Amino acid sequence: MTTTIRPEQPSDYRQVETIHRNDFWNLYVPGADEHYLAHIIRNHADFVPELDLVLERNAQVIGNIMYTKAKLVDENGAVKTILTFGPVAIDPAFQRQSFGKQLMETSMKRATELGYDTIVIFGDPDNYVERGFKSCQKFNVWAADNTQPTAMLVKELEPNVLDGRKWTYHESPAMSYDKEAAEQFDATFPAKTKDYQASQEAFYILSHSVLKS
């Protein structure tokens, strides 16, 4: 088995979007929009093409990770450019085989080489703490509404770079999209049934919970 991680190419776009669609379908909500997000963020100013990577297994693309710039603002208004990643997906047929781990670790190494020192994401801690992500509370990072969401996770690529100051996280406008346009884009793929599953309630609980000091 040969595994390769390389930059995404235009010829990969539809396959990558299909992987995101299959991975996220009915996971967080009935249906999915992540494939549309992957489709539109490639043209946004905050997109980081150097960190748009695909993983090939025997010359077949089975995974992808994408990064965009975001920012942290401290109490004095100083702005720090950071990264967030997502969507990130592995074809469901190849999950739980360490391919996601390989993509994340390779991409984070390249991010460090590009001079970035912090990543903030929203995700299930069970999926990311083994990759070095910690609670936002441990770095004094806050959401724009002055809460500390349970799902907001932080990784310092350079130790102690956040130095204890209070930081407020602002995601890129690249993450905003039109739901109707997403539906229209989804219609260009083979039809799939939108259903409820328990993971959607788990996601709702996690995404609506916040930490208290």
N, C-alpha and C. Protein backbone atom coordinates (compact mmCIF):
# COMPACT_ATOMS: atom_id res chain seq x y z
N MET A 1 0.84 -1.19 0.00
CA MET A 1 0.00 0.00 0.00
C MET A 1 0.88 1.25 0.00
N THR A 2 0.65 2.14 -0.92
CA THR A 2 1.40 3.39 -1.03
C THR A 2 0.51 4.54 -0.61
N THR A 3 0.99 5.34 0.35
CA THR A 3 0.25 6.51 0.82
C THR A 3 1.06 7.76 0.52
N THR A 4 0.40 8.75 -0.08
CA THR A 4 1.05 10.01 -0.44
C THR A 4 0.19 11.17 0.01
N ILE A 5 0.81 12.20 0.56
CA ILE A 5 0.13 13.45 0.88
C ILE A 5 0.72 14.53 -0.01
N ARG A 6 -0.14 15.21 -0.73
CA ARG A 6 0.32 16.21 -1.71
C ARG A 6 -0.70 17.35 -1.78
N PRO A 7 -0.33 18.47 -2.44
CA PRO A 7 -1.29 19.57 -2.62
C PRO A 7 -2.47 19.14 -3.49
N GLU A 8 -3.63 19.66 -3.16
CA GLU A 8 -4.81 19.41 -4.00
C GLU A 8 -4.63 20.09 -5.36
N GLN A 9 -5.10 19.43 -6.41
CA GLN A 9 -5.07 19.96 -7.76
C GLN A 9 -6.51 20.15 -8.27
N PRO A 10 -6.72 21.05 -9.24
CA PRO A 10 -8.08 21.22 -9.77
C PRO A 10 -8.74 19.92 -10.22
N SER A 11 -7.96 18.99 -10.71
CA SER A 11 -8.51 17.71 -11.14
C SER A 11 -9.05 16.88 -9.96
N ASP A 12 -8.68 17.27 -8.73
CA ASP A 12 -9.15 16.56 -7.54
C ASP A 12 -10.46 17.11 -6.99
N TYR A 13 -10.87 18.29 -7.46
CA TYR A 13 -11.93 19.02 -6.78
C TYR A 13 -13.20 18.19 -6.57
N ARG A 14 -13.70 17.59 -7.63
CA ARG A 14 -14.97 16.87 -7.49
C ARG A 14 -14.84 15.66 -6.58
N GLN A 15 -13.73 14.96 -6.67
CA GLN A 15 -13.51 13.81 -5.78
C GLN A 15 -13.43 14.27 -4.33
N VAL A 16 -12.73 15.35 -4.08
CA VAL A 16 -12.61 15.88 -2.73
C VAL A 16 -13.97 16.30 -2.20
N GLU A 17 -14.75 16.98 -3.02
CA GLU A 17 -16.08 17.42 -2.59
C GLU A 17 -16.98 16.21 -2.31
N THR A 18 -16.84 15.16 -3.10
CA THR A 18 -17.62 13.94 -2.88
C THR A 18 -17.23 13.29 -1.55
N ILE A 19 -15.95 13.28 -1.24
CA ILE A 19 -15.49 12.72 0.04
C ILE A 19 -16.09 13.49 1.20
N HIS A 20 -16.05 14.83 1.14
CA HIS A 20 -16.64 15.64 2.21
C HIS A 20 -18.14 15.36 2.33
N ARG A 21 -18.81 15.26 1.20
CA ARG A 21 -20.25 14.99 1.23
C ARG A 21 -20.56 13.65 1.89
N ASN A 22 -19.83 12.63 1.49
CA ASN A 22 -20.08 11.30 2.05
C ASN A 22 -19.71 11.21 3.53
N ASP A 23 -18.65 11.88 3.91
CA ASP A 23 -18.18 11.83 5.29
C ASP A 23 -19.17 12.50 6.24
N PHE A 24 -19.70 13.65 5.84
CA PHE A 24 -20.53 14.45 6.74
C PHE A 24 -22.03 14.22 6.58
N TRP A 25 -22.43 13.43 5.60
CA TRP A 25 -23.87 13.29 5.32
C TRP A 25 -24.62 12.75 6.54
N ASN A 26 -25.58 13.53 6.98
CA ASN A 26 -26.43 13.20 8.14
C ASN A 26 -25.68 13.12 9.46
N LEU A 27 -24.42 13.53 9.49
CA LEU A 27 -23.63 13.41 10.71
C LEU A 27 -24.03 14.46 11.75
N TYR A 28 -24.07 15.73 11.34
CA TYR A 28 -24.38 16.82 12.25
C TYR A 28 -25.79 17.36 12.07
N VAL A 29 -26.28 17.30 10.87
CA VAL A 29 -27.64 17.73 10.51
C VAL A 29 -28.12 16.79 9.42
N PRO A 30 -29.41 16.74 9.15
CA PRO A 30 -29.86 15.97 7.98
C PRO A 30 -29.22 16.53 6.71
N GLY A 31 -28.56 15.68 5.95
CA GLY A 31 -27.81 16.14 4.78
C GLY A 31 -26.42 16.61 5.19
N ALA A 32 -25.88 17.55 4.42
CA ALA A 32 -24.55 18.11 4.71
C ALA A 32 -24.30 19.31 3.81
N ASP A 33 -23.47 20.23 4.29
CA ASP A 33 -23.06 21.39 3.50
C ASP A 33 -21.55 21.48 3.35
N GLU A 34 -20.81 20.60 4.02
CA GLU A 34 -19.35 20.72 4.02
C GLU A 34 -18.74 20.65 2.63
N HIS A 35 -19.35 19.87 1.73
CA HIS A 35 -18.82 19.80 0.37
C HIS A 35 -18.98 21.12 -0.37
N TYR A 36 -20.04 21.85 -0.05
CA TYR A 36 -20.21 23.18 -0.65
C TYR A 36 -19.20 24.15 -0.06
N LEU A 37 -18.96 24.05 1.24
CA LEU A 37 -17.95 24.91 1.87
C LEU A 37 -16.59 24.67 1.24
N ALA A 38 -16.23 23.40 1.04
CA ALA A 38 -14.97 23.09 0.37
C ALA A 38 -14.92 23.71 -1.02
N HIS A 39 -16.05 23.71 -1.69
CA HIS A 39 -16.14 24.24 -3.06
C HIS A 39 -15.88 25.75 -3.11
N ILE A 40 -16.42 26.48 -2.13
CA ILE A 40 -16.35 27.95 -2.22
C ILE A 40 -15.13 28.56 -1.55
N ILE A 41 -14.56 27.90 -0.53
CA ILE A 41 -13.49 28.60 0.19
C ILE A 41 -12.19 28.64 -0.60
N ARG A 42 -12.06 27.80 -1.62
CA ARG A 42 -10.82 27.81 -2.40
C ARG A 42 -10.56 29.17 -3.05
N ASN A 43 -11.60 29.94 -3.30
CA ASN A 43 -11.45 31.24 -3.96
C ASN A 43 -11.47 32.41 -2.98
N HIS A 44 -11.49 32.14 -1.69
CA HIS A 44 -11.54 33.22 -0.71
C HIS A 44 -10.12 33.71 -0.37
N ALA A 45 -10.02 34.98 -0.06
CA ALA A 45 -8.71 35.58 0.25
C ALA A 45 -8.06 34.96 1.47
N ASP A 46 -8.86 34.43 2.40
CA ASP A 46 -8.30 33.85 3.62
C ASP A 46 -7.89 32.38 3.45
N PHE A 47 -8.21 31.78 2.33
CA PHE A 47 -7.83 30.39 2.08
C PHE A 47 -6.32 30.28 1.96
N VAL A 48 -5.77 29.21 2.51
CA VAL A 48 -4.31 29.00 2.47
C VAL A 48 -4.03 27.81 1.55
N PRO A 49 -3.76 28.06 0.28
CA PRO A 49 -3.60 26.96 -0.67
C PRO A 49 -2.44 26.03 -0.35
N GLU A 50 -1.40 26.56 0.30
CA GLU A 50 -0.25 25.72 0.64
C GLU A 50 -0.61 24.62 1.63
N LEU A 51 -1.75 24.79 2.33
CA LEU A 51 -2.17 23.81 3.33
C LEU A 51 -3.43 23.05 2.89
N ASP A 52 -3.76 23.15 1.61
CA ASP A 52 -4.87 22.39 1.04
C ASP A 52 -4.28 21.08 0.52
N LEU A 53 -4.39 20.03 1.32
CA LEU A 53 -3.70 18.78 1.04
C LEU A 53 -4.67 17.63 0.85
N VAL A 54 -4.29 16.72 -0.04
CA VAL A 54 -5.04 15.48 -0.21
C VAL A 54 -4.15 14.31 0.16
N LEU A 55 -4.79 13.24 0.61
CA LEU A 55 -4.09 12.00 0.90
C LEU A 55 -4.52 10.96 -0.12
N GLU A 56 -3.52 10.36 -0.78
CA GLU A 56 -3.77 9.31 -1.77
C GLU A 56 -3.38 7.96 -1.19
N ARG A 57 -4.19 6.97 -1.44
CA ARG A 57 -3.85 5.58 -1.12
C ARG A 57 -3.88 4.81 -2.42
N ASN A 58 -2.73 4.29 -2.83
CA ASN A 58 -2.62 3.59 -4.12
C ASN A 58 -3.16 4.44 -5.26
N ALA A 59 -2.76 5.73 -5.25
CA ALA A 59 -3.10 6.70 -6.31
C ALA A 59 -4.57 7.12 -6.31
N GLN A 60 -5.32 6.74 -5.29
CA GLN A 60 -6.72 7.16 -5.17
C GLN A 60 -6.84 8.18 -4.04
N VAL A 61 -7.42 9.35 -4.33
CA VAL A 61 -7.62 10.37 -3.31
C VAL A 61 -8.70 9.90 -2.34
N ILE A 62 -8.33 9.80 -1.05
CA ILE A 62 -9.29 9.33 -0.05
C ILE A 62 -9.46 10.31 1.11
N GLY A 63 -8.74 11.43 1.09
CA GLY A 63 -8.86 12.38 2.18
C GLY A 63 -8.41 13.77 1.80
N ASN A 64 -8.84 14.75 2.59
CA ASN A 64 -8.49 16.14 2.31
C ASN A 64 -8.58 16.96 3.60
N ILE A 65 -7.70 17.96 3.70
CA ILE A 65 -7.77 18.96 4.76
C ILE A 65 -7.55 20.33 4.14
N MET A 66 -8.32 21.32 4.62
CA MET A 66 -8.23 22.69 4.12
C MET A 66 -8.07 23.63 5.30
N TYR A 67 -7.31 24.69 5.11
CA TYR A 67 -7.10 25.70 6.14
C TYR A 67 -7.49 27.08 5.63
N THR A 68 -7.98 27.90 6.55
CA THR A 68 -8.17 29.32 6.28
C THR A 68 -7.54 30.12 7.41
N LYS A 69 -7.21 31.36 7.10
CA LYS A 69 -6.73 32.27 8.14
C LYS A 69 -7.89 32.72 9.00
N ALA A 70 -7.60 32.97 10.26
CA ALA A 70 -8.55 33.56 11.20
C ALA A 70 -7.74 34.57 12.03
N LYS A 71 -8.35 35.10 13.09
CA LYS A 71 -7.56 36.05 13.89
C LYS A 71 -7.95 35.97 15.36
N LEU A 72 -6.98 36.30 16.20
CA LEU A 72 -7.18 36.53 17.62
C LEU A 72 -6.90 38.00 17.89
N VAL A 73 -7.74 38.60 18.74
CA VAL A 73 -7.56 40.01 19.11
C VAL A 73 -7.42 40.08 20.62
N ASP A 74 -6.36 40.75 21.12
CA ASP A 74 -6.18 40.83 22.56
C ASP A 74 -6.91 42.04 23.16
N GLU A 75 -6.78 42.22 24.47
CA GLU A 75 -7.54 43.28 25.17
C GLU A 75 -7.21 44.68 24.66
N ASN A 76 -6.02 44.83 24.10
CA ASN A 76 -5.59 46.16 23.63
C ASN A 76 -5.85 46.37 22.14
N GLY A 77 -6.49 45.38 21.51
CA GLY A 77 -6.82 45.51 20.09
C GLY A 77 -5.76 44.99 19.15
N ALA A 78 -4.69 44.42 19.70
CA ALA A 78 -3.66 43.85 18.84
C ALA A 78 -4.21 42.60 18.14
N VAL A 79 -3.94 42.51 16.84
CA VAL A 79 -4.48 41.42 16.03
C VAL A 79 -3.39 40.41 15.71
N LYS A 80 -3.71 39.15 15.90
CA LYS A 80 -2.78 38.06 15.61
C LYS A 80 -3.42 37.15 14.57
N THR A 81 -2.76 36.98 13.43
CA THR A 81 -3.26 36.08 12.39
C THR A 81 -2.94 34.64 12.77
N ILE A 82 -3.97 33.82 12.74
CA ILE A 82 -3.82 32.40 13.09
C ILE A 82 -4.47 31.55 12.00
N LEU A 83 -4.60 30.27 12.28
CA LEU A 83 -5.22 29.35 11.33
C LEU A 83 -6.40 28.62 11.96
N THR A 84 -7.31 28.20 11.11
CA THR A 84 -8.29 27.19 11.47
C THR A 84 -8.35 26.20 10.34
N PHE A 85 -8.67 24.94 10.62
CA PHE A 85 -8.83 24.01 9.52
C PHE A 85 -10.26 23.48 9.47
N GLY A 86 -10.63 23.04 8.31
CA GLY A 86 -11.97 22.52 8.06
C GLY A 86 -12.51 23.10 6.77
N PRO A 87 -13.22 22.31 6.02
CA PRO A 87 -13.50 20.93 6.37
C PRO A 87 -12.28 20.01 6.23
N VAL A 88 -12.33 18.93 6.99
CA VAL A 88 -11.34 17.86 6.88
C VAL A 88 -12.10 16.56 6.86
N ALA A 89 -11.75 15.66 5.94
CA ALA A 89 -12.52 14.43 5.79
C ALA A 89 -11.68 13.31 5.23
N ILE A 90 -12.04 12.10 5.63
CA ILE A 90 -11.50 10.87 5.07
C ILE A 90 -12.68 10.07 4.52
N ASP A 91 -12.51 9.51 3.34
CA ASP A 91 -13.56 8.67 2.78
C ASP A 91 -14.02 7.66 3.83
N PRO A 92 -15.35 7.53 4.04
CA PRO A 92 -15.83 6.61 5.08
C PRO A 92 -15.29 5.20 4.99
N ALA A 93 -14.96 4.74 3.79
CA ALA A 93 -14.44 3.37 3.63
C ALA A 93 -13.03 3.21 4.20
N PHE A 94 -12.37 4.33 4.49
CA PHE A 94 -10.97 4.28 4.94
C PHE A 94 -10.77 4.94 6.30
N GLN A 95 -11.82 5.15 7.03
CA GLN A 95 -11.70 5.78 8.33
C GLN A 95 -11.17 4.82 9.38
N ARG A 96 -10.64 5.42 10.48
CA ARG A 96 -10.08 4.66 11.60
C ARG A 96 -8.89 3.81 11.18
N GLN A 97 -8.12 4.34 10.23
CA GLN A 97 -6.90 3.68 9.80
C GLN A 97 -5.71 4.64 9.86
N SER A 98 -5.85 5.70 10.66
CA SER A 98 -4.78 6.69 10.90
C SER A 98 -4.55 7.65 9.74
N PHE A 99 -5.40 7.64 8.71
CA PHE A 99 -5.19 8.56 7.60
C PHE A 99 -5.47 10.00 8.00
N GLY A 100 -6.51 10.22 8.82
CA GLY A 100 -6.79 11.57 9.30
C GLY A 100 -5.65 12.11 10.14
N LYS A 101 -5.09 11.26 10.98
CA LYS A 101 -3.93 11.64 11.80
C LYS A 101 -2.76 12.07 10.91
N GLN A 102 -2.50 11.30 9.86
CA GLN A 102 -1.40 11.64 8.95
C GLN A 102 -1.63 13.00 8.29
N LEU A 103 -2.85 13.25 7.83
CA LEU A 103 -3.16 14.52 7.19
C LEU A 103 -2.96 15.69 8.15
N MET A 104 -3.50 15.56 9.36
CA MET A 104 -3.39 16.65 10.32
C MET A 104 -1.95 16.92 10.71
N GLU A 105 -1.21 15.87 11.01
CA GLU A 105 0.17 16.07 11.46
C GLU A 105 1.05 16.65 10.35
N THR A 106 0.86 16.17 9.13
CA THR A 106 1.63 16.73 8.00
C THR A 106 1.28 18.19 7.78
N SER A 107 -0.01 18.50 7.81
CA SER A 107 -0.44 19.88 7.57
C SER A 107 0.04 20.81 8.67
N MET A 108 0.02 20.36 9.92
CA MET A 108 0.46 21.23 11.01
C MET A 108 1.97 21.47 10.96
N LYS A 109 2.72 20.48 10.53
CA LYS A 109 4.16 20.67 10.34
C LYS A 109 4.41 21.73 9.26
N ARG A 110 3.65 21.65 8.17
CA ARG A 110 3.82 22.63 7.09
C ARG A 110 3.36 24.01 7.54
N ALA A 111 2.32 24.07 8.36
CA ALA A 111 1.86 25.36 8.87
C ALA A 111 2.95 26.03 9.69
N THR A 112 3.63 25.26 10.51
CA THR A 112 4.74 25.79 11.31
C THR A 112 5.85 26.31 10.40
N GLU A 113 6.15 25.55 9.36
CA GLU A 113 7.20 25.96 8.41
C GLU A 113 6.82 27.26 7.69
N LEU A 114 5.52 27.50 7.53
CA LEU A 114 5.05 28.73 6.87
C LEU A 114 5.00 29.92 7.83
N GLY A 115 5.29 29.67 9.11
CA GLY A 115 5.36 30.76 10.07
C GLY A 115 4.13 30.94 10.94
N TYR A 116 3.16 30.07 10.83
CA TYR A 116 1.97 30.15 11.69
C TYR A 116 2.28 29.50 13.04
N ASP A 117 1.67 30.03 14.11
CA ASP A 117 2.01 29.49 15.43
C ASP A 117 0.80 29.07 16.25
N THR A 118 -0.42 29.26 15.74
CA THR A 118 -1.61 28.92 16.52
C THR A 118 -2.72 28.43 15.60
N ILE A 119 -3.44 27.42 16.05
CA ILE A 119 -4.62 26.92 15.34
C ILE A 119 -5.78 26.90 16.33
N VAL A 120 -6.93 27.42 15.90
CA VAL A 120 -8.17 27.33 16.68
C VAL A 120 -9.20 26.62 15.82
N ILE A 121 -9.86 25.63 16.39
CA ILE A 121 -10.90 24.90 15.67
C ILE A 121 -12.11 24.73 16.57
N PHE A 122 -13.21 24.34 15.97
CA PHE A 122 -14.40 23.90 16.70
C PHE A 122 -14.61 22.44 16.36
N GLY A 123 -14.59 21.59 17.37
CA GLY A 123 -14.73 20.17 17.11
C GLY A 123 -14.93 19.38 18.39
N ASP A 124 -15.16 18.10 18.21
CA ASP A 124 -15.31 17.18 19.34
C ASP A 124 -13.94 16.93 19.96
N PRO A 125 -13.75 17.27 21.24
CA PRO A 125 -12.43 17.04 21.86
C PRO A 125 -11.92 15.62 21.70
N ASP A 126 -12.82 14.64 21.70
CA ASP A 126 -12.39 13.25 21.55
C ASP A 126 -11.61 13.03 20.26
N ASN A 127 -11.88 13.84 19.24
CA ASN A 127 -11.22 13.67 17.95
C ASN A 127 -9.88 14.40 17.85
N TYR A 128 -9.62 15.35 18.77
CA TYR A 128 -8.49 16.24 18.55
C TYR A 128 -7.49 16.35 19.69
N VAL A 129 -7.85 15.92 20.89
CA VAL A 129 -6.88 16.10 21.98
C VAL A 129 -5.62 15.28 21.77
N GLU A 130 -5.72 14.16 21.10
CA GLU A 130 -4.52 13.37 20.82
C GLU A 130 -3.60 14.06 19.83
N ARG A 131 -4.10 15.04 19.11
CA ARG A 131 -3.28 15.82 18.18
C ARG A 131 -2.73 17.07 18.84
N GLY A 132 -2.89 17.19 20.15
CA GLY A 132 -2.31 18.31 20.88
C GLY A 132 -3.23 19.49 21.11
N PHE A 133 -4.49 19.38 20.74
CA PHE A 133 -5.44 20.46 20.98
C PHE A 133 -5.91 20.41 22.43
N LYS A 134 -6.14 21.61 23.00
CA LYS A 134 -6.60 21.73 24.38
C LYS A 134 -7.77 22.70 24.45
N SER A 135 -8.44 22.69 25.58
CA SER A 135 -9.56 23.60 25.79
C SER A 135 -9.13 25.05 25.61
N CYS A 136 -9.99 25.85 25.00
CA CYS A 136 -9.72 27.28 24.83
C CYS A 136 -9.50 27.96 26.17
N GLN A 137 -10.10 27.41 27.23
CA GLN A 137 -9.98 28.02 28.56
C GLN A 137 -8.53 28.01 29.04
N LYS A 138 -7.77 27.01 28.64
CA LYS A 138 -6.39 26.91 29.09
C LYS A 138 -5.48 27.96 28.46
N PHE A 139 -5.97 28.61 27.39
CA PHE A 139 -5.18 29.65 26.71
C PHE A 139 -5.83 31.02 26.81
N ASN A 140 -6.91 31.12 27.61
CA ASN A 140 -7.64 32.39 27.77
C ASN A 140 -8.15 32.91 26.43
N VAL A 141 -8.65 32.00 25.61
CA VAL A 141 -9.23 32.35 24.31
C VAL A 141 -10.75 32.31 24.44
N TRP A 142 -11.40 33.35 23.92
CA TRP A 142 -12.84 33.51 24.04
C TRP A 142 -13.48 33.66 22.66
N ALA A 143 -14.71 33.27 22.58
CA ALA A 143 -15.49 33.52 21.36
C ALA A 143 -15.91 34.99 21.32
N ALA A 144 -16.39 35.43 20.16
CA ALA A 144 -16.77 36.83 19.98
C ALA A 144 -17.92 37.25 20.90
N ASP A 145 -18.73 36.28 21.36
CA ASP A 145 -19.84 36.60 22.27
C ASP A 145 -19.41 36.52 23.74
N ASN A 146 -18.09 36.49 23.98
CA ASN A 146 -17.50 36.47 25.32
C ASN A 146 -17.86 35.21 26.10
N THR A 147 -17.99 34.10 25.40
CA THR A 147 -18.13 32.79 26.03
C THR A 147 -16.93 31.94 25.65
N GLN A 148 -16.80 30.82 26.33
CA GLN A 148 -15.76 29.84 25.99
C GLN A 148 -16.46 28.52 25.64
N PRO A 149 -16.78 28.33 24.38
CA PRO A 149 -17.49 27.12 23.97
C PRO A 149 -16.70 25.85 24.26
N THR A 150 -17.40 24.82 24.69
CA THR A 150 -16.76 23.54 24.95
C THR A 150 -16.02 23.03 23.72
N ALA A 151 -16.58 23.28 22.56
CA ALA A 151 -16.03 22.75 21.31
C ALA A 151 -14.88 23.59 20.75
N MET A 152 -14.58 24.75 21.35
CA MET A 152 -13.50 25.59 20.82
C MET A 152 -12.17 25.10 21.39
N LEU A 153 -11.32 24.62 20.51
CA LEU A 153 -10.06 23.99 20.88
C LEU A 153 -8.89 24.76 20.29
N VAL A 154 -7.78 24.76 21.01
CA VAL A 154 -6.61 25.56 20.63
C VAL A 154 -5.37 24.68 20.64
N LYS A 155 -4.51 24.91 19.64
CA LYS A 155 -3.20 24.27 19.63
C LYS A 155 -2.15 25.33 19.33
N GLU A 156 -1.18 25.44 20.22
CA GLU A 156 -0.03 26.30 19.98
C GLU A 156 1.01 25.50 19.20
N LEU A 157 1.34 25.98 18.03
CA LEU A 157 2.40 25.35 17.25
C LEU A 157 3.77 25.77 17.77
N GLU A 158 3.82 26.89 18.46
CA GLU A 158 5.02 27.35 19.16
C GLU A 158 4.65 27.52 20.63
N PRO A 159 5.34 26.85 21.53
CA PRO A 159 4.95 26.88 22.95
C PRO A 159 4.89 28.30 23.52
N ASN A 160 3.83 28.54 24.31
CA ASN A 160 3.65 29.77 25.08
C ASN A 160 3.49 31.02 24.24
N VAL A 161 3.13 30.86 22.99
CA VAL A 161 3.01 32.03 22.12
C VAL A 161 1.81 32.90 22.51
N LEU A 162 0.80 32.32 23.14
CA LEU A 162 -0.39 33.10 23.51
C LEU A 162 -0.22 33.79 24.86
N ASP A 163 0.72 33.44 25.62
CA ASP A 163 1.26 34.12 26.82
C ASP A 163 0.24 34.55 27.87
N GLY A 164 -0.94 33.95 27.91
CA GLY A 164 -1.87 34.21 29.00
C GLY A 164 -2.79 35.41 28.83
N ARG A 165 -2.51 36.27 27.86
CA ARG A 165 -3.43 37.38 27.61
C ARG A 165 -4.82 36.88 27.23
N LYS A 166 -5.84 37.71 27.44
CA LYS A 166 -7.17 37.36 26.96
C LYS A 166 -7.24 37.62 25.46
N TRP A 167 -7.65 36.60 24.73
CA TRP A 167 -7.77 36.69 23.28
C TRP A 167 -9.22 36.42 22.87
N THR A 168 -9.69 37.13 21.87
CA THR A 168 -11.02 36.89 21.30
C THR A 168 -10.85 36.36 19.88
N TYR A 169 -11.52 35.26 19.61
CA TYR A 169 -11.39 34.59 18.32
C TYR A 169 -12.42 35.13 17.33
N HIS A 170 -11.95 35.39 16.11
CA HIS A 170 -12.83 35.83 15.02
C HIS A 170 -12.54 34.95 13.81
N GLU A 171 -13.56 34.18 13.39
CA GLU A 171 -13.35 33.32 12.24
C GLU A 171 -13.44 34.11 10.95
N SER A 172 -12.94 33.53 9.88
CA SER A 172 -12.95 34.19 8.58
C SER A 172 -14.36 34.23 7.99
N PRO A 173 -14.68 35.28 7.25
CA PRO A 173 -15.94 35.31 6.51
C PRO A 173 -16.04 34.17 5.50
N ALA A 174 -14.92 33.52 5.22
CA ALA A 174 -14.94 32.39 4.29
C ALA A 174 -15.87 31.28 4.78
N MET A 175 -16.11 31.24 6.09
CA MET A 175 -16.93 30.18 6.66
C MET A 175 -18.43 30.46 6.56
N SER A 176 -18.80 31.64 6.08
CA SER A 176 -20.21 31.98 5.90
C SER A 176 -20.64 31.63 4.48
N TYR A 177 -21.84 31.09 4.35
CA TYR A 177 -22.32 30.70 3.02
C TYR A 177 -23.83 30.76 2.98
N ASP A 178 -24.37 30.77 1.78
CA ASP A 178 -25.81 30.85 1.54
C ASP A 178 -26.39 29.43 1.49
N LYS A 179 -27.34 29.15 2.35
CA LYS A 179 -27.91 27.80 2.44
C LYS A 179 -28.61 27.40 1.14
N GLU A 180 -29.26 28.34 0.49
CA GLU A 180 -29.94 28.01 -0.76
C GLU A 180 -28.93 27.64 -1.84
N ALA A 181 -27.81 28.38 -1.89
CA ALA A 181 -26.77 28.05 -2.86
C ALA A 181 -26.17 26.68 -2.56
N ALA A 182 -26.04 26.35 -1.26
CA ALA A 182 -25.53 25.03 -0.89
C ALA A 182 -26.47 23.92 -1.36
N GLU A 183 -27.77 24.15 -1.25
CA GLU A 183 -28.76 23.17 -1.72
C GLU A 183 -28.66 22.99 -3.23
N GLN A 184 -28.50 24.08 -3.93
CA GLN A 184 -28.39 24.01 -5.39
C GLN A 184 -27.13 23.26 -5.81
N PHE A 185 -26.05 23.49 -5.09
CA PHE A 185 -24.82 22.78 -5.39
C PHE A 185 -24.97 21.30 -5.10
N ASP A 186 -25.60 20.97 -3.99
CA ASP A 186 -25.78 19.56 -3.64
C ASP A 186 -26.59 18.82 -4.69
N ALA A 187 -27.48 19.53 -5.36
CA ALA A 187 -28.33 18.90 -6.37
C ALA A 187 -27.54 18.43 -7.58
N THR A 188 -26.27 18.86 -7.70
CA THR A 188 -25.44 18.41 -8.82
C THR A 188 -24.78 17.06 -8.54
N PHE A 189 -24.99 16.53 -7.33
CA PHE A 189 -24.46 15.23 -6.95
C PHE A 189 -25.59 14.19 -6.97
N PRO A 190 -25.25 12.91 -6.98
CA PRO A 190 -26.29 11.87 -6.91
C PRO A 190 -27.16 12.05 -5.67
N ALA A 191 -28.45 11.79 -5.82
CA ALA A 191 -29.38 12.00 -4.71
C ALA A 191 -29.06 11.10 -3.52
N LYS A 192 -29.19 11.68 -2.32
CA LYS A 192 -29.02 10.94 -1.07
C LYS A 192 -30.17 11.33 -0.14
N THR A 193 -30.56 10.44 0.73
CA THR A 193 -31.67 10.69 1.64
C THR A 193 -31.19 11.41 2.89
N LYS A 194 -31.88 12.49 3.24
CA LYS A 194 -31.59 13.21 4.47
C LYS A 194 -32.36 12.55 5.61
N ASP A 195 -31.63 12.12 6.64
CA ASP A 195 -32.24 11.42 7.77
C ASP A 195 -31.73 11.98 9.08
N TYR A 196 -32.46 11.67 10.15
CA TYR A 196 -32.01 11.96 11.50
C TYR A 196 -31.19 10.80 12.03
N GLN A 197 -30.11 11.10 12.75
CA GLN A 197 -29.39 10.07 13.48
C GLN A 197 -28.88 10.66 14.78
N ALA A 198 -28.55 9.81 15.72
CA ALA A 198 -28.24 10.26 17.08
C ALA A 198 -27.07 11.23 17.14
N SER A 199 -26.13 11.11 16.23
CA SER A 199 -24.97 12.00 16.24
C SER A 199 -25.37 13.47 16.09
N GLN A 200 -26.54 13.72 15.51
CA GLN A 200 -26.99 15.10 15.34
C GLN A 200 -27.36 15.72 16.69
N GLU A 201 -27.98 14.94 17.57
CA GLU A 201 -28.30 15.46 18.90
C GLU A 201 -27.03 15.65 19.72
N ALA A 202 -26.08 14.72 19.59
CA ALA A 202 -24.81 14.86 20.29
C ALA A 202 -24.09 16.13 19.84
N PHE A 203 -24.14 16.41 18.54
CA PHE A 203 -23.52 17.62 18.01
C PHE A 203 -24.22 18.87 18.54
N TYR A 204 -25.54 18.83 18.61
CA TYR A 204 -26.30 19.98 19.12
C TYR A 204 -25.90 20.27 20.56
N ILE A 205 -25.81 19.23 21.37
CA ILE A 205 -25.45 19.42 22.78
C ILE A 205 -24.05 20.01 22.90
N LEU A 206 -23.09 19.44 22.17
CA LEU A 206 -21.71 19.92 22.25
C LEU A 206 -21.60 21.35 21.73
N SER A 207 -22.23 21.64 20.61
CA SER A 207 -22.08 22.97 19.98
C SER A 207 -22.80 24.07 20.73
N HIS A 208 -23.71 23.71 21.64
CA HIS A 208 -24.44 24.73 22.41
C HIS A 208 -23.98 24.80 23.87
N SER A 209 -22.93 24.07 24.22
CA SER A 209 -22.45 24.10 25.60
C SER A 209 -21.23 25.01 25.73
N VAL A 210 -21.12 25.64 26.90
CA VAL A 210 -19.99 26.54 27.15
C VAL A 210 -19.35 26.18 28.48
N LEU A 211 -18.10 26.59 28.63
CA LEU A 211 -17.36 26.34 29.86
C LEU A 211 -17.56 27.48 30.84
N LYS A 212 -17.50 27.16 32.12
CA LYS A 212 -17.54 28.19 33.15
C LYS A 212 -16.22 28.17 33.93
N SER A 213 -15.78 29.31 34.33
CA SER A 213 -14.52 29.40 35.07
C SER A 213 -14.67 28.81 36.47
